[in-house]
Amino acid sequence: MTALPKLLETFRQASVTEREKSTYFEEPVLCYLRNEATYVVTVSLETMKIVNSLPALDIYGADAGSGA
């Protein structure tokens, strides 16, 4: 068994739920994609698209700057 199947088996054994198993898998995959030169630009562009599609947050409230 190579390193990847061993790692995946560790995730399977350590997780209690399917969601937890997914999270264990997703975190190293995202780390790899963010740091592998082949994918870093693509992942960055996709992240920007997602962030830009989110609604703006009004963190100062409607009366910002009113001095009240």
PDB file of N, CA and C in Angstrom:
ATOM      1  N   MET A   1       0.849  -1.177   0.000  1.00  0.00           N
ATOM      2  CA  MET A   1       0.000   0.000   0.000  1.00  0.00           C
ATOM      3  C   MET A   1       0.895   1.240   0.000  1.00  0.00           C
ATOM      4  N   THR A   2       0.573   2.190  -0.891  1.00  0.00           N
ATOM      5  CA  THR A   2       1.361   3.422  -0.955  1.00  0.00           C
ATOM      6  C   THR A   2       0.876   4.416   0.100  1.00  0.00           C
ATOM      7  N   ALA A   3       1.531   5.553   0.150  1.00  0.00           N
ATOM      8  CA  ALA A   3       1.231   6.552   1.181  1.00  0.00           C
ATOM      9  C   ALA A   3      -0.211   7.071   1.090  1.00  0.00           C
ATOM     10  N   LEU A   4      -0.709   7.320  -0.123  1.00  0.00           N
ATOM     11  CA  LEU A   4      -2.058   7.870  -0.247  1.00  0.00           C
ATOM     12  C   LEU A   4      -3.124   6.898   0.256  1.00  0.00           C
ATOM     13  N   PRO A   5      -3.132   5.636  -0.162  1.00  0.00           N
ATOM     14  CA  PRO A   5      -4.129   4.723   0.400  1.00  0.00           C
ATOM     15  C   PRO A   5      -4.024   4.571   1.922  1.00  0.00           C
ATOM     16  N   LYS A   6      -2.817   4.623   2.455  1.00  0.00           N
ATOM     17  CA  LYS A   6      -2.645   4.551   3.911  1.00  0.00           C
ATOM     18  C   LYS A   6      -3.278   5.770   4.585  1.00  0.00           C
ATOM     19  N   LEU A   7      -3.041   6.945   3.998  1.00  0.00           N
ATOM     20  CA  LEU A   7      -3.606   8.173   4.543  1.00  0.00           C
ATOM     21  C   LEU A   7      -5.130   8.130   4.490  1.00  0.00           C
ATOM     22  N   LEU A   8      -5.684   7.699   3.363  1.00  0.00           N
ATOM     23  CA  LEU A   8      -7.136   7.619   3.228  1.00  0.00           C
ATOM     24  C   LEU A   8      -7.728   6.619   4.222  1.00  0.00           C
ATOM     25  N   GLU A   9      -7.058   5.517   4.435  1.00  0.00           N
ATOM     26  CA  GLU A   9      -7.534   4.536   5.412  1.00  0.00           C
ATOM     27  C   GLU A   9      -7.501   5.128   6.821  1.00  0.00           C
ATOM     28  N   THR A  10      -6.493   5.925   7.119  1.00  0.00           N
ATOM     29  CA  THR A  10      -6.427   6.608   8.417  1.00  0.00           C
ATOM     30  C   THR A  10      -7.629   7.536   8.582  1.00  0.00           C
ATOM     31  N   PHE A  11      -7.969   8.277   7.526  1.00  0.00           N
ATOM     32  CA  PHE A  11      -9.139   9.160   7.568  1.00  0.00           C
ATOM     33  C   PHE A  11     -10.407   8.346   7.825  1.00  0.00           C
ATOM     34  N   ARG A  12     -10.539   7.218   7.130  1.00  0.00           N
ATOM     35  CA  ARG A  12     -11.730   6.370   7.302  1.00  0.00           C
ATOM     36  C   ARG A  12     -11.854   5.876   8.737  1.00  0.00           C
ATOM     37  N   GLN A  13     -10.750   5.463   9.310  1.00  0.00           N
ATOM     38  CA  GLN A  13     -10.782   4.914  10.667  1.00  0.00           C
ATOM     39  C   GLN A  13     -10.991   5.994  11.725  1.00  0.00           C
ATOM     40  N   ALA A  14     -10.464   7.186  11.495  1.00  0.00           N
ATOM     41  CA  ALA A  14     -10.538   8.256  12.493  1.00  0.00           C
ATOM     42  C   ALA A  14     -11.881   8.973  12.486  1.00  0.00           C
ATOM     43  N   SER A  15     -12.591   8.939  11.362  1.00  0.00           N
ATOM     44  CA  SER A  15     -13.831   9.700  11.253  1.00  0.00           C
ATOM     45  C   SER A  15     -15.010   8.939  11.846  1.00  0.00           C
ATOM     46  N   VAL A  16     -15.893   9.700  12.454  1.00  0.00           N
ATOM     47  CA  VAL A  16     -17.094   9.132  13.046  1.00  0.00           C
ATOM     48  C   VAL A  16     -18.257   9.203  12.055  1.00  0.00           C
ATOM     49  N   THR A  17     -18.313  10.316  11.294  1.00  0.00           N
ATOM     50  CA  THR A  17     -19.401  10.520  10.331  1.00  0.00           C
ATOM     51  C   THR A  17     -18.831  10.632   8.922  1.00  0.00           C
ATOM     52  N   GLU A  18     -19.715  10.528   7.941  1.00  0.00           N
ATOM     53  CA  GLU A  18     -19.306  10.710   6.552  1.00  0.00           C
ATOM     54  C   GLU A  18     -18.826  12.145   6.322  1.00  0.00           C
ATOM     55  N   ARG A  19     -19.472  13.095   6.973  1.00  0.00           N
ATOM     56  CA  ARG A  19     -19.082  14.503   6.825  1.00  0.00           C
ATOM     57  C   ARG A  19     -17.670  14.719   7.364  1.00  0.00           C
ATOM     58  N   GLU A  20     -17.363  14.115   8.478  1.00  0.00           N
ATOM     59  CA  GLU A  20     -16.032  14.236   9.064  1.00  0.00           C
ATOM     60  C   GLU A  20     -14.994  13.614   8.133  1.00  0.00           C
ATOM     61  N   LYS A  21     -15.328  12.482   7.537  1.00  0.00           N
ATOM     62  CA  LYS A  21     -14.434  11.830   6.595  1.00  0.00           C
ATOM     63  C   LYS A  21     -14.177  12.750   5.396  1.00  0.00           C
ATOM     64  N   SER A  22     -15.218  13.405   4.917  1.00  0.00           N
ATOM     65  CA  SER A  22     -15.072  14.340   3.803  1.00  0.00           C
ATOM     66  C   SER A  22     -14.159  15.501   4.163  1.00  0.00           C
ATOM     67  N   THR A  23     -14.334  16.034   5.361  1.00  0.00           N
ATOM     68  CA  THR A  23     -13.510  17.157   5.808  1.00  0.00           C
ATOM     69  C   THR A  23     -12.042  16.751   5.898  1.00  0.00           C
ATOM     70  N   TYR A  24     -11.786  15.564   6.455  1.00  0.00           N
ATOM     71  CA  TYR A  24     -10.409  15.071   6.540  1.00  0.00           C
ATOM     72  C   TYR A  24      -9.777  14.976   5.149  1.00  0.00           C
ATOM     73  N   PHE A  25     -10.564  14.616   4.166  1.00  0.00           N
ATOM     74  CA  PHE A  25     -10.060  14.489   2.797  1.00  0.00           C
ATOM     75  C   PHE A  25      -9.894  15.853   2.140  1.00  0.00           C
ATOM     76  N   GLU A  26     -10.867  16.735   2.324  1.00  0.00           N
ATOM     77  CA  GLU A  26     -10.880  18.033   1.643  1.00  0.00           C
ATOM     78  C   GLU A  26      -9.723  18.932   2.065  1.00  0.00           C
ATOM     79  N   GLU A  27      -9.386  18.939   3.343  1.00  0.00           N
ATOM     80  CA  GLU A  27      -8.359  19.861   3.831  1.00  0.00           C
ATOM     81  C   GLU A  27      -6.993  19.645   3.170  1.00  0.00           C
ATOM     82  N   PRO A  28      -6.456  18.431   3.110  1.00  0.00           N
ATOM     83  CA  PRO A  28      -5.167  18.272   2.427  1.00  0.00           C
ATOM     84  C   PRO A  28      -5.257  18.478   0.919  1.00  0.00           C
ATOM     85  N   VAL A  29      -6.403  18.150   0.321  1.00  0.00           N
ATOM     86  CA  VAL A  29      -6.558  18.383  -1.121  1.00  0.00           C
ATOM     87  C   VAL A  29      -6.519  19.881  -1.405  1.00  0.00           C
ATOM     88  N   LEU A  30      -7.239  20.668  -0.634  1.00  0.00           N
ATOM     89  CA  LEU A  30      -7.211  22.117  -0.824  1.00  0.00           C
ATOM     90  C   LEU A  30      -5.815  22.682  -0.610  1.00  0.00           C
ATOM     91  N   CYS A  31      -5.131  22.196   0.388  1.00  0.00           N
ATOM     92  CA  CYS A  31      -3.759  22.636   0.649  1.00  0.00           C
ATOM     93  C   CYS A  31      -2.869  22.347  -0.561  1.00  0.00           C
ATOM     94  N   TYR A  32      -3.000  21.148  -1.095  1.00  0.00           N
ATOM     95  CA  TYR A  32      -2.220  20.772  -2.287  1.00  0.00           C
ATOM     96  C   TYR A  32      -2.545  21.689  -3.462  1.00  0.00           C
ATOM     97  N   LEU A  33      -3.830  21.898  -3.717  1.00  0.00           N
ATOM     98  CA  LEU A  33      -4.232  22.716  -4.863  1.00  0.00           C
ATOM     99  C   LEU A  33      -3.795  24.163  -4.719  1.00  0.00           C
ATOM    100  N   ARG A  34      -3.782  24.665  -3.490  1.00  0.00           N
ATOM    101  CA  ARG A  34      -3.360  26.055  -3.264  1.00  0.00           C
ATOM    102  C   ARG A  34      -1.849  26.241  -3.414  1.00  0.00           C
ATOM    103  N   ASN A  35      -1.090  25.154  -3.291  1.00  0.00           N
ATOM    104  CA  ASN A  35       0.364  25.273  -3.309  1.00  0.00           C
ATOM    105  C   ASN A  35       1.044  24.645  -4.518  1.00  0.00           C
ATOM    106  N   GLU A  36       0.373  23.808  -5.259  1.00  0.00           N
ATOM    107  CA  GLU A  36       0.934  23.188  -6.455  1.00  0.00           C
ATOM    108  C   GLU A  36       0.903  24.207  -7.583  1.00  0.00           C
ATOM    109  N   ALA A  37       2.048  24.496  -8.165  1.00  0.00           N
ATOM    110  CA  ALA A  37       2.166  25.538  -9.189  1.00  0.00           C
ATOM    111  C   ALA A  37       1.189  25.346 -10.340  1.00  0.00           C
ATOM    112  N   THR A  38       0.907  24.119 -10.698  1.00  0.00           N
ATOM    113  CA  THR A  38      -0.003  23.845 -11.802  1.00  0.00           C
ATOM    114  C   THR A  38      -1.409  24.351 -11.508  1.00  0.00           C
ATOM    115  N   TYR A  39      -1.835  24.313 -10.252  1.00  0.00           N
ATOM    116  CA  TYR A  39      -3.212  24.643  -9.903  1.00  0.00           C
ATOM    117  C   TYR A  39      -3.382  25.958  -9.169  1.00  0.00           C
ATOM    118  N   VAL A  40      -2.328  26.547  -8.686  1.00  0.00           N
ATOM    119  CA  VAL A  40      -2.452  27.708  -7.802  1.00  0.00           C
ATOM    120  C   VAL A  40      -3.194  28.863  -8.471  1.00  0.00           C
ATOM    121  N   VAL A  41      -2.955  29.146  -9.722  1.00  0.00           N
ATOM    122  CA  VAL A  41      -3.647  30.243 -10.409  1.00  0.00           C
ATOM    123  C   VAL A  41      -5.118  29.903 -10.576  1.00  0.00           C
ATOM    124  N   THR A  42      -5.416  28.695 -10.982  1.00  0.00           N
ATOM    125  CA  THR A  42      -6.801  28.272 -11.180  1.00  0.00           C
ATOM    126  C   THR A  42      -7.586  28.346  -9.885  1.00  0.00           C
ATOM    127  N   VAL A  43      -7.028  27.841  -8.810  1.00  0.00           N
ATOM    128  CA  VAL A  43      -7.708  27.858  -7.519  1.00  0.00           C
ATOM    129  C   VAL A  43      -7.897  29.293  -7.052  1.00  0.00           C
ATOM    130  N   SER A  44      -6.895  30.145  -7.245  1.00  0.00           N
ATOM    131  CA  SER A  44      -7.004  31.539  -6.838  1.00  0.00           C
ATOM    132  C   SER A  44      -8.112  32.249  -7.611  1.00  0.00           C
ATOM    133  N   LEU A  45      -8.198  31.988  -8.920  1.00  0.00           N
ATOM    134  CA  LEU A  45      -9.243  32.606  -9.732  1.00  0.00           C
ATOM    135  C   LEU A  45     -10.621  32.111  -9.309  1.00  0.00           C
ATOM    136  N   GLU A  46     -10.750  30.826  -9.036  1.00  0.00           N
ATOM    137  CA  GLU A  46     -12.033  30.278  -8.594  1.00  0.00           C
ATOM    138  C   GLU A  46     -12.426  30.871  -7.242  1.00  0.00           C
ATOM    139  N   THR A  47     -11.467  31.015  -6.343  1.00  0.00           N
ATOM    140  CA  THR A  47     -11.741  31.604  -5.029  1.00  0.00           C
ATOM    141  C   THR A  47     -12.211  33.041  -5.192  1.00  0.00           C
ATOM    142  N   MET A  48     -11.559  33.790  -6.076  1.00  0.00           N
ATOM    143  CA  MET A  48     -11.954  35.172  -6.320  1.00  0.00           C
ATOM    144  C   MET A  48     -13.376  35.232  -6.868  1.00  0.00           C
ATOM    145  N   LYS A  49     -13.734  34.333  -7.769  1.00  0.00           N
ATOM    146  CA  LYS A  49     -15.089  34.303  -8.323  1.00  0.00           C
ATOM    147  C   LYS A  49     -16.111  34.053  -7.215  1.00  0.00           C
ATOM    148  N   ILE A  50     -15.800  33.130  -6.328  1.00  0.00           N
ATOM    149  CA  ILE A  50     -16.723  32.817  -5.240  1.00  0.00           C
ATOM    150  C   ILE A  50     -16.863  34.007  -4.304  1.00  0.00           C
ATOM    151  N   VAL A  51     -15.743  34.599  -3.913  1.00  0.00           N
ATOM    152  CA  VAL A  51     -15.777  35.749  -2.998  1.00  0.00           C
ATOM    153  C   VAL A  51     -16.507  36.916  -3.636  1.00  0.00           C
ATOM    154  N   ASN A  52     -16.254  37.165  -4.910  1.00  0.00           N
ATOM    155  CA  ASN A  52     -16.915  38.282  -5.589  1.00  0.00           C
ATOM    156  C   ASN A  52     -18.408  38.062  -5.754  1.00  0.00           C
ATOM    157  N   SER A  53     -18.865  36.821  -5.711  1.00  0.00           N
ATOM    158  CA  SER A  53     -20.293  36.546  -5.865  1.00  0.00           C
ATOM    159  C   SER A  53     -21.060  36.678  -4.551  1.00  0.00           C
ATOM    160  N   LEU A  54     -20.348  36.804  -3.431  1.00  0.00           N
ATOM    161  CA  LEU A  54     -21.004  36.930  -2.133  1.00  0.00           C
ATOM    162  C   LEU A  54     -21.599  38.328  -1.970  1.00  0.00           C
ATOM    163  N   PRO A  55     -22.715  38.433  -1.273  1.00  0.00           N
ATOM    164  CA  PRO A  55     -23.289  39.767  -1.053  1.00  0.00           C
ATOM    165  C   PRO A  55     -22.381  40.602  -0.146  1.00  0.00           C
ATOM    166  N   ALA A  56     -22.393  41.889  -0.365  1.00  0.00           N
ATOM    167  CA  ALA A  56     -21.577  42.797   0.445  1.00  0.00           C
ATOM    168  C   ALA A  56     -22.133  42.835   1.869  1.00  0.00           C
ATOM    169  N   LEU A  57     -21.236  42.923   2.840  1.00  0.00           N
ATOM    170  CA  LEU A  57     -21.647  43.017   4.228  1.00  0.00           C
ATOM    171  C   LEU A  57     -21.651  44.469   4.673  1.00  0.00           C
ATOM    172  N   ASP A  58     -22.713  44.870   5.325  1.00  0.00           N
ATOM    173  CA  ASP A  58     -22.818  46.232   5.835  1.00  0.00           C
ATOM    174  C   ASP A  58     -22.348  46.210   7.298  1.00  0.00           C
ATOM    175  N   ILE A  59     -21.008  46.181   7.482  1.00  0.00           N
ATOM    176  CA  ILE A  59     -20.479  46.028   8.826  1.00  0.00           C
ATOM    177  C   ILE A  59     -20.573  47.289   9.682  1.00  0.00           C
ATOM    178  N   TYR A  60     -20.819  48.416   9.054  1.00  0.00           N
ATOM    179  CA  TYR A  60     -20.901  49.660   9.799  1.00  0.00           C
ATOM    180  C   TYR A  60     -22.341  50.081  10.070  1.00  0.00           C
ATOM    181  N   GLY A  61     -23.277  49.402   9.514  1.00  0.00           N
ATOM    182  CA  GLY A  61     -24.676  49.739   9.713  1.00  0.00           C
ATOM    183  C   GLY A  61     -25.116  50.849   8.778  1.00  0.00           C
ATOM    184  N   ALA A  62     -26.395  51.032   8.709  1.00  0.00           N
ATOM    185  CA  ALA A  62     -26.983  52.002   7.765  1.00  0.00           C
ATOM    186  C   ALA A  62     -26.633  53.442   8.126  1.00  0.00           C
ATOM    187  N   ASP A  63     -26.360  53.737   9.387  1.00  0.00           N
ATOM    188  CA  ASP A  63     -26.107  55.121   9.791  1.00  0.00           C
ATOM    189  C   ASP A  63     -24.614  55.417   9.976  1.00  0.00           C
ATOM    190  N   ALA A  64     -23.763  54.712   9.270  1.00  0.00           N
ATOM    191  CA  ALA A  64     -22.317  54.963   9.395  1.00  0.00           C
ATOM    192  C   ALA A  64     -21.993  56.385   9.013  1.00  0.00           C
ATOM    193  N   GLY A  65     -21.218  57.049   9.815  1.00  0.00           N
ATOM    194  CA  GLY A  65     -20.801  58.415   9.518  1.00  0.00           C
ATOM    195  C   GLY A  65     -21.775  59.474   9.983  1.00  0.00           C
ATOM    196  N   SER A  66     -22.861  59.075  10.619  1.00  0.00           N
ATOM    197  CA  SER A  66     -23.833  60.074  11.054  1.00  0.00           C
ATOM    198  C   SER A  66     -23.407  60.774  12.334  1.00  0.00           C
ATOM    199  N   GLY A  67     -22.428  60.160  13.051  1.00  0.00           N
ATOM    200  CA  GLY A  67     -21.917  60.775  14.265  1.00  0.00           C
ATOM    201  C   GLY A  67     -22.833  60.604  15.466  1.00  0.00           C
ATOM    202  N   ALA A  68     -23.903  59.838  15.300  1.00  0.00           N
ATOM    203  CA  ALA A  68     -24.854  59.665  16.400  1.00  0.00           C
ATOM    204  C   ALA A  68     -24.479  58.512  17.291  1.00  0.00           C
TER     205      ALA A  68
END
